[in-house]
Amino acid sequence: HFLIDKITELGEPDYTIIIQKYYYNRTSSEISRIVSMTPEAVRMRCGRALKKLKAILEKSEIIM
């Protein structure tokens, strides 16, 4: 549950994008319909969310 808790800290829609992409293996087009964004915006948010998640994990002394 630790990782899910840290992903939850990202807030919406980043949480949904990360879960849909890496847990459910959905494409940016599929996720875009779920979060009402363009596929390009989903890809951009996903990249930024991963950077934020990395920083959150590093604060917990988890290195990626």
PDB file of N, CA and C in Angstrom:
ATOM      1  N   HIS A   1       0.809  -1.206   0.000  1.00  0.00           N
ATOM      2  CA  HIS A   1       0.000   0.000   0.000  1.00  0.00           C
ATOM      3  C   HIS A   1       0.851   1.269   0.000  1.00  0.00           C
ATOM      4  N   PHE A   2       2.123   1.120   0.312  1.00  0.00           N
ATOM      5  CA  PHE A   2       3.007   2.282   0.375  1.00  0.00           C
ATOM      6  C   PHE A   2       3.035   3.040  -0.951  1.00  0.00           C
ATOM      7  N   LEU A   3       3.239   2.310  -2.051  1.00  0.00           N
ATOM      8  CA  LEU A   3       3.339   2.964  -3.358  1.00  0.00           C
ATOM      9  C   LEU A   3       2.017   3.614  -3.750  1.00  0.00           C
ATOM     10  N   ILE A   4       0.911   2.954  -3.501  1.00  0.00           N
ATOM     11  CA  ILE A   4      -0.399   3.537  -3.811  1.00  0.00           C
ATOM     12  C   ILE A   4      -0.610   4.811  -3.001  1.00  0.00           C
ATOM     13  N   ASP A   5      -0.215   4.808  -1.750  1.00  0.00           N
ATOM     14  CA  ASP A   5      -0.326   6.014  -0.918  1.00  0.00           C
ATOM     15  C   ASP A   5       0.479   7.156  -1.518  1.00  0.00           C
ATOM     16  N   LYS A   6       1.675   6.850  -2.014  1.00  0.00           N
ATOM     17  CA  LYS A   6       2.523   7.888  -2.606  1.00  0.00           C
ATOM     18  C   LYS A   6       1.952   8.377  -3.929  1.00  0.00           C
ATOM     19  N   ILE A   7       1.376   7.480  -4.709  1.00  0.00           N
ATOM     20  CA  ILE A   7       0.738   7.891  -5.972  1.00  0.00           C
ATOM     21  C   ILE A   7      -0.480   8.760  -5.669  1.00  0.00           C
ATOM     22  N   THR A   8      -1.219   8.435  -4.620  1.00  0.00           N
ATOM     23  CA  THR A   8      -2.380   9.223  -4.222  1.00  0.00           C
ATOM     24  C   THR A   8      -1.983  10.659  -3.888  1.00  0.00           C
ATOM     25  N   GLU A   9      -0.787  10.845  -3.348  1.00  0.00           N
ATOM     26  CA  GLU A   9      -0.308  12.189  -3.032  1.00  0.00           C
ATOM     27  C   GLU A   9      -0.203  13.085  -4.259  1.00  0.00           C
ATOM     28  N   LEU A  10      -0.146  12.501  -5.441  1.00  0.00           N
ATOM     29  CA  LEU A  10      -0.074  13.292  -6.671  1.00  0.00           C
ATOM     30  C   LEU A  10      -1.356  14.080  -6.914  1.00  0.00           C
ATOM     31  N   GLY A  11      -2.472  13.582  -6.398  1.00  0.00           N
ATOM     32  CA  GLY A  11      -3.761  14.231  -6.631  1.00  0.00           C
ATOM     33  C   GLY A  11      -4.311  13.880  -8.002  1.00  0.00           C
ATOM     34  N   GLU A  12      -5.472  14.408  -8.289  1.00  0.00           N
ATOM     35  CA  GLU A  12      -6.117  14.175  -9.581  1.00  0.00           C
ATOM     36  C   GLU A  12      -5.723  15.268 -10.557  1.00  0.00           C
ATOM     37  N   PRO A  13      -5.663  15.013 -11.836  1.00  0.00           N
ATOM     38  CA  PRO A  13      -5.873  13.735 -12.526  1.00  0.00           C
ATOM     39  C   PRO A  13      -4.624  12.862 -12.594  1.00  0.00           C
ATOM     40  N   ASP A  14      -3.525  13.323 -12.001  1.00  0.00           N
ATOM     41  CA  ASP A  14      -2.265  12.575 -12.102  1.00  0.00           C
ATOM     42  C   ASP A  14      -2.394  11.162 -11.546  1.00  0.00           C
ATOM     43  N   TYR A  15      -3.070  11.017 -10.420  1.00  0.00           N
ATOM     44  CA  TYR A  15      -3.273   9.697  -9.826  1.00  0.00           C
ATOM     45  C   TYR A  15      -3.947   8.762 -10.832  1.00  0.00           C
ATOM     46  N   THR A  16      -5.046   9.223 -11.412  1.00  0.00           N
ATOM     47  CA  THR A  16      -5.800   8.405 -12.364  1.00  0.00           C
ATOM     48  C   THR A  16      -4.955   8.064 -13.582  1.00  0.00           C
ATOM     49  N   ILE A  17      -4.220   9.030 -14.093  1.00  0.00           N
ATOM     50  CA  ILE A  17      -3.390   8.795 -15.272  1.00  0.00           C
ATOM     51  C   ILE A  17      -2.335   7.722 -14.989  1.00  0.00           C
ATOM     52  N   ILE A  18      -1.637   7.845 -13.879  1.00  0.00           N
ATOM     53  CA  ILE A  18      -0.589   6.870 -13.537  1.00  0.00           C
ATOM     54  C   ILE A  18      -1.173   5.476 -13.339  1.00  0.00           C
ATOM     55  N   ILE A  19      -2.261   5.375 -12.603  1.00  0.00           N
ATOM     56  CA  ILE A  19      -2.890   4.067 -12.354  1.00  0.00           C
ATOM     57  C   ILE A  19      -3.379   3.451 -13.659  1.00  0.00           C
ATOM     58  N   GLN A  20      -4.048   4.241 -14.477  1.00  0.00           N
ATOM     59  CA  GLN A  20      -4.569   3.715 -15.742  1.00  0.00           C
ATOM     60  C   GLN A  20      -3.436   3.277 -16.670  1.00  0.00           C
ATOM     61  N   LYS A  21      -2.369   4.030 -16.701  1.00  0.00           N
ATOM     62  CA  LYS A  21      -1.260   3.711 -17.614  1.00  0.00           C
ATOM     63  C   LYS A  21      -0.445   2.516 -17.140  1.00  0.00           C
ATOM     64  N   TYR A  22      -0.045   2.505 -15.880  1.00  0.00           N
ATOM     65  CA  TYR A  22       0.894   1.494 -15.415  1.00  0.00           C
ATOM     66  C   TYR A  22       0.262   0.304 -14.708  1.00  0.00           C
ATOM     67  N   TYR A  23      -0.974   0.431 -14.239  1.00  0.00           N
ATOM     68  CA  TYR A  23      -1.636  -0.718 -13.619  1.00  0.00           C
ATOM     69  C   TYR A  23      -2.554  -1.408 -14.628  1.00  0.00           C
ATOM     70  N   TYR A  24      -3.356  -0.590 -15.335  1.00  0.00           N
ATOM     71  CA  TYR A  24      -4.296  -1.156 -16.301  1.00  0.00           C
ATOM     72  C   TYR A  24      -3.742  -1.194 -17.720  1.00  0.00           C
ATOM     73  N   ASN A  25      -2.523  -0.646 -17.926  1.00  0.00           N
ATOM     74  CA  ASN A  25      -1.847  -0.677 -19.217  1.00  0.00           C
ATOM     75  C   ASN A  25      -2.683  -0.058 -20.347  1.00  0.00           C
ATOM     76  N   ARG A  26      -3.368   1.052 -20.032  1.00  0.00           N
ATOM     77  CA  ARG A  26      -4.174   1.735 -21.030  1.00  0.00           C
ATOM     78  C   ARG A  26      -3.314   2.718 -21.827  1.00  0.00           C
ATOM     79  N   THR A  27      -3.728   2.997 -23.051  1.00  0.00           N
ATOM     80  CA  THR A  27      -3.020   3.953 -23.899  1.00  0.00           C
ATOM     81  C   THR A  27      -3.420   5.380 -23.519  1.00  0.00           C
ATOM     82  N   SER A  28      -2.649   6.333 -24.018  1.00  0.00           N
ATOM     83  CA  SER A  28      -2.971   7.740 -23.774  1.00  0.00           C
ATOM     84  C   SER A  28      -4.344   8.092 -24.334  1.00  0.00           C
ATOM     85  N   SER A  29      -4.694   7.507 -25.475  1.00  0.00           N
ATOM     86  CA  SER A  29      -6.022   7.763 -26.062  1.00  0.00           C
ATOM     87  C   SER A  29      -7.138   7.251 -25.166  1.00  0.00           C
ATOM     88  N   GLU A  30      -6.956   6.058 -24.619  1.00  0.00           N
ATOM     89  CA  GLU A  30      -7.973   5.501 -23.715  1.00  0.00           C
ATOM     90  C   GLU A  30      -8.083   6.345 -22.446  1.00  0.00           C
ATOM     91  N   ILE A  31      -6.943   6.717 -21.889  1.00  0.00           N
ATOM     92  CA  ILE A  31      -6.948   7.522 -20.667  1.00  0.00           C
ATOM     93  C   ILE A  31      -7.547   8.890 -20.920  1.00  0.00           C
ATOM     94  N   SER A  32      -7.301   9.448 -22.099  1.00  0.00           N
ATOM     95  CA  SER A  32      -7.816  10.788 -22.419  1.00  0.00           C
ATOM     96  C   SER A  32      -9.336  10.839 -22.318  1.00  0.00           C
ATOM     97  N   ARG A  33      -9.989   9.750 -22.684  1.00  0.00           N
ATOM     98  CA  ARG A  33     -11.457   9.715 -22.571  1.00  0.00           C
ATOM     99  C   ARG A  33     -11.907   9.652 -21.114  1.00  0.00           C
ATOM    100  N   ILE A  34     -11.124   9.010 -20.275  1.00  0.00           N
ATOM    101  CA  ILE A  34     -11.460   8.876 -18.858  1.00  0.00           C
ATOM    102  C   ILE A  34     -11.310  10.214 -18.130  1.00  0.00           C
ATOM    103  N   VAL A  35     -10.237  10.957 -18.441  1.00  0.00           N
ATOM    104  CA  VAL A  35      -9.944  12.192 -17.711  1.00  0.00           C
ATOM    105  C   VAL A  35     -10.315  13.454 -18.483  1.00  0.00           C
ATOM    106  N   SER A  36     -10.965  13.286 -19.631  1.00  0.00           N
ATOM    107  CA  SER A  36     -11.423  14.420 -20.460  1.00  0.00           C
ATOM    108  C   SER A  36     -10.292  15.371 -20.832  1.00  0.00           C
ATOM    109  N   MET A  37      -9.232  14.803 -21.368  1.00  0.00           N
ATOM    110  CA  MET A  37      -8.077  15.565 -21.855  1.00  0.00           C
ATOM    111  C   MET A  37      -7.708  15.012 -23.225  1.00  0.00           C
ATOM    112  N   THR A  38      -6.853  15.726 -23.927  1.00  0.00           N
ATOM    113  CA  THR A  38      -6.346  15.188 -25.187  1.00  0.00           C
ATOM    114  C   THR A  38      -5.267  14.146 -24.869  1.00  0.00           C
ATOM    115  N   PRO A  39      -5.015  13.232 -25.807  1.00  0.00           N
ATOM    116  CA  PRO A  39      -3.940  12.263 -25.583  1.00  0.00           C
ATOM    117  C   PRO A  39      -2.585  12.942 -25.349  1.00  0.00           C
ATOM    118  N   GLU A  40      -2.350  14.051 -26.034  1.00  0.00           N
ATOM    119  CA  GLU A  40      -1.094  14.788 -25.850  1.00  0.00           C
ATOM    120  C   GLU A  40      -0.982  15.331 -24.427  1.00  0.00           C
ATOM    121  N   ALA A  41      -2.076  15.868 -23.912  1.00  0.00           N
ATOM    122  CA  ALA A  41      -2.090  16.401 -22.539  1.00  0.00           C
ATOM    123  C   ALA A  41      -1.872  15.272 -21.532  1.00  0.00           C
ATOM    124  N   VAL A  42      -2.448  14.115 -21.804  1.00  0.00           N
ATOM    125  CA  VAL A  42      -2.261  12.960 -20.918  1.00  0.00           C
ATOM    126  C   VAL A  42      -0.787  12.569 -20.876  1.00  0.00           C
ATOM    127  N   ARG A  43      -0.139  12.516 -22.037  1.00  0.00           N
ATOM    128  CA  ARG A  43       1.279  12.157 -22.074  1.00  0.00           C
ATOM    129  C   ARG A  43       2.125  13.172 -21.305  1.00  0.00           C
ATOM    130  N   MET A  44       1.810  14.454 -21.477  1.00  0.00           N
ATOM    131  CA  MET A  44       2.564  15.495 -20.774  1.00  0.00           C
ATOM    132  C   MET A  44       2.354  15.380 -19.266  1.00  0.00           C
ATOM    133  N   ARG A  45       1.097  15.217 -18.840  1.00  0.00           N
ATOM    134  CA  ARG A  45       0.802  15.085 -17.400  1.00  0.00           C
ATOM    135  C   ARG A  45       1.473  13.843 -16.826  1.00  0.00           C
ATOM    136  N   CYS A  46       1.493  12.772 -17.597  1.00  0.00           N
ATOM    137  CA  CYS A  46       2.111  11.528 -17.121  1.00  0.00           C
ATOM    138  C   CYS A  46       3.598  11.740 -16.869  1.00  0.00           C
ATOM    139  N   GLY A  47       4.284  12.378 -17.793  1.00  0.00           N
ATOM    140  CA  GLY A  47       5.707  12.645 -17.613  1.00  0.00           C
ATOM    141  C   GLY A  47       5.974  13.499 -16.387  1.00  0.00           C
ATOM    142  N   ARG A  48       5.184  14.536 -16.221  1.00  0.00           N
ATOM    143  CA  ARG A  48       5.346  15.414 -15.057  1.00  0.00           C
ATOM    144  C   ARG A  48       5.011  14.686 -13.764  1.00  0.00           C
ATOM    145  N   ALA A  49       3.962  13.852 -13.813  1.00  0.00           N
ATOM    146  CA  ALA A  49       3.555  13.103 -12.624  1.00  0.00           C
ATOM    147  C   ALA A  49       4.649  12.125 -12.203  1.00  0.00           C
ATOM    148  N   LEU A  50       5.310  11.498 -13.164  1.00  0.00           N
ATOM    149  CA  LEU A  50       6.392  10.576 -12.824  1.00  0.00           C
ATOM    150  C   LEU A  50       7.549  11.308 -12.154  1.00  0.00           C
ATOM    151  N   LYS A  51       7.851  12.517 -12.613  1.00  0.00           N
ATOM    152  CA  LYS A  51       8.903  13.308 -11.976  1.00  0.00           C
ATOM    153  C   LYS A  51       8.518  13.671 -10.548  1.00  0.00           C
ATOM    154  N   LYS A  52       7.237  14.054 -10.360  1.00  0.00           N
ATOM    155  CA  LYS A  52       6.766  14.380  -9.007  1.00  0.00           C
ATOM    156  C   LYS A  52       6.815  13.143  -8.110  1.00  0.00           C
ATOM    157  N   LEU A  53       6.395  11.998  -8.656  1.00  0.00           N
ATOM    158  CA  LEU A  53       6.395  10.763  -7.880  1.00  0.00           C
ATOM    159  C   LEU A  53       7.817  10.379  -7.490  1.00  0.00           C
ATOM    160  N   LYS A  54       8.754  10.546  -8.395  1.00  0.00           N
ATOM    161  CA  LYS A  54      10.154  10.264  -8.077  1.00  0.00           C
ATOM    162  C   LYS A  54      10.621  11.119  -6.907  1.00  0.00           C
ATOM    163  N   ALA A  55      10.272  12.404  -6.924  1.00  0.00           N
ATOM    164  CA  ALA A  55      10.660  13.300  -5.829  1.00  0.00           C
ATOM    165  C   ALA A  55      10.013  12.875  -4.514  1.00  0.00           C
ATOM    166  N   ILE A  56       8.744  12.494  -4.561  1.00  0.00           N
ATOM    167  CA  ILE A  56       8.028  12.024  -3.362  1.00  0.00           C
ATOM    168  C   ILE A  56       8.711  10.776  -2.802  1.00  0.00           C
ATOM    169  N   LEU A  57       9.066   9.845  -3.677  1.00  0.00           N
ATOM    170  CA  LEU A  57       9.710   8.597  -3.228  1.00  0.00           C
ATOM    171  C   LEU A  57      11.096   8.870  -2.668  1.00  0.00           C
ATOM    172  N   GLU A  58      11.827   9.795  -3.280  1.00  0.00           N
ATOM    173  CA  GLU A  58      13.165  10.111  -2.774  1.00  0.00           C
ATOM    174  C   GLU A  58      13.104  10.705  -1.374  1.00  0.00           C
ATOM    175  N   LYS A  59      12.049  11.482  -1.084  1.00  0.00           N
ATOM    176  CA  LYS A  59      11.881  12.006   0.271  1.00  0.00           C
ATOM    177  C   LYS A  59      11.662  10.885   1.276  1.00  0.00           C
ATOM    178  N   SER A  60      11.115   9.776   0.799  1.00  0.00           N
ATOM    179  CA  SER A  60      10.912   8.611   1.661  1.00  0.00           C
ATOM    180  C   SER A  60      12.104   7.661   1.586  1.00  0.00           C
ATOM    181  N   GLU A  61      13.195   8.158   1.005  1.00  0.00           N
ATOM    182  CA  GLU A  61      14.430   7.404   0.868  1.00  0.00           C
ATOM    183  C   GLU A  61      14.302   6.173   0.000  1.00  0.00           C
ATOM    184  N   ILE A  62      13.419   6.253  -0.998  1.00  0.00           N
ATOM    185  CA  ILE A  62      13.274   5.204  -2.015  1.00  0.00           C
ATOM    186  C   ILE A  62      13.894   5.779  -3.283  1.00  0.00           C
ATOM    187  N   ILE A  63      14.925   5.141  -3.800  1.00  0.00           N
ATOM    188  CA  ILE A  63      15.611   5.654  -4.986  1.00  0.00           C
ATOM    189  C   ILE A  63      15.167   4.843  -6.204  1.00  0.00           C
ATOM    190  N   MET A  64      14.836   5.567  -7.265  1.00  0.00           N
ATOM    191  CA  MET A  64      14.417   4.907  -8.519  1.00  0.00           C
ATOM    192  C   MET A  64      15.552   4.940  -9.505  1.00  0.00           C
TER     193      MET A  64
END
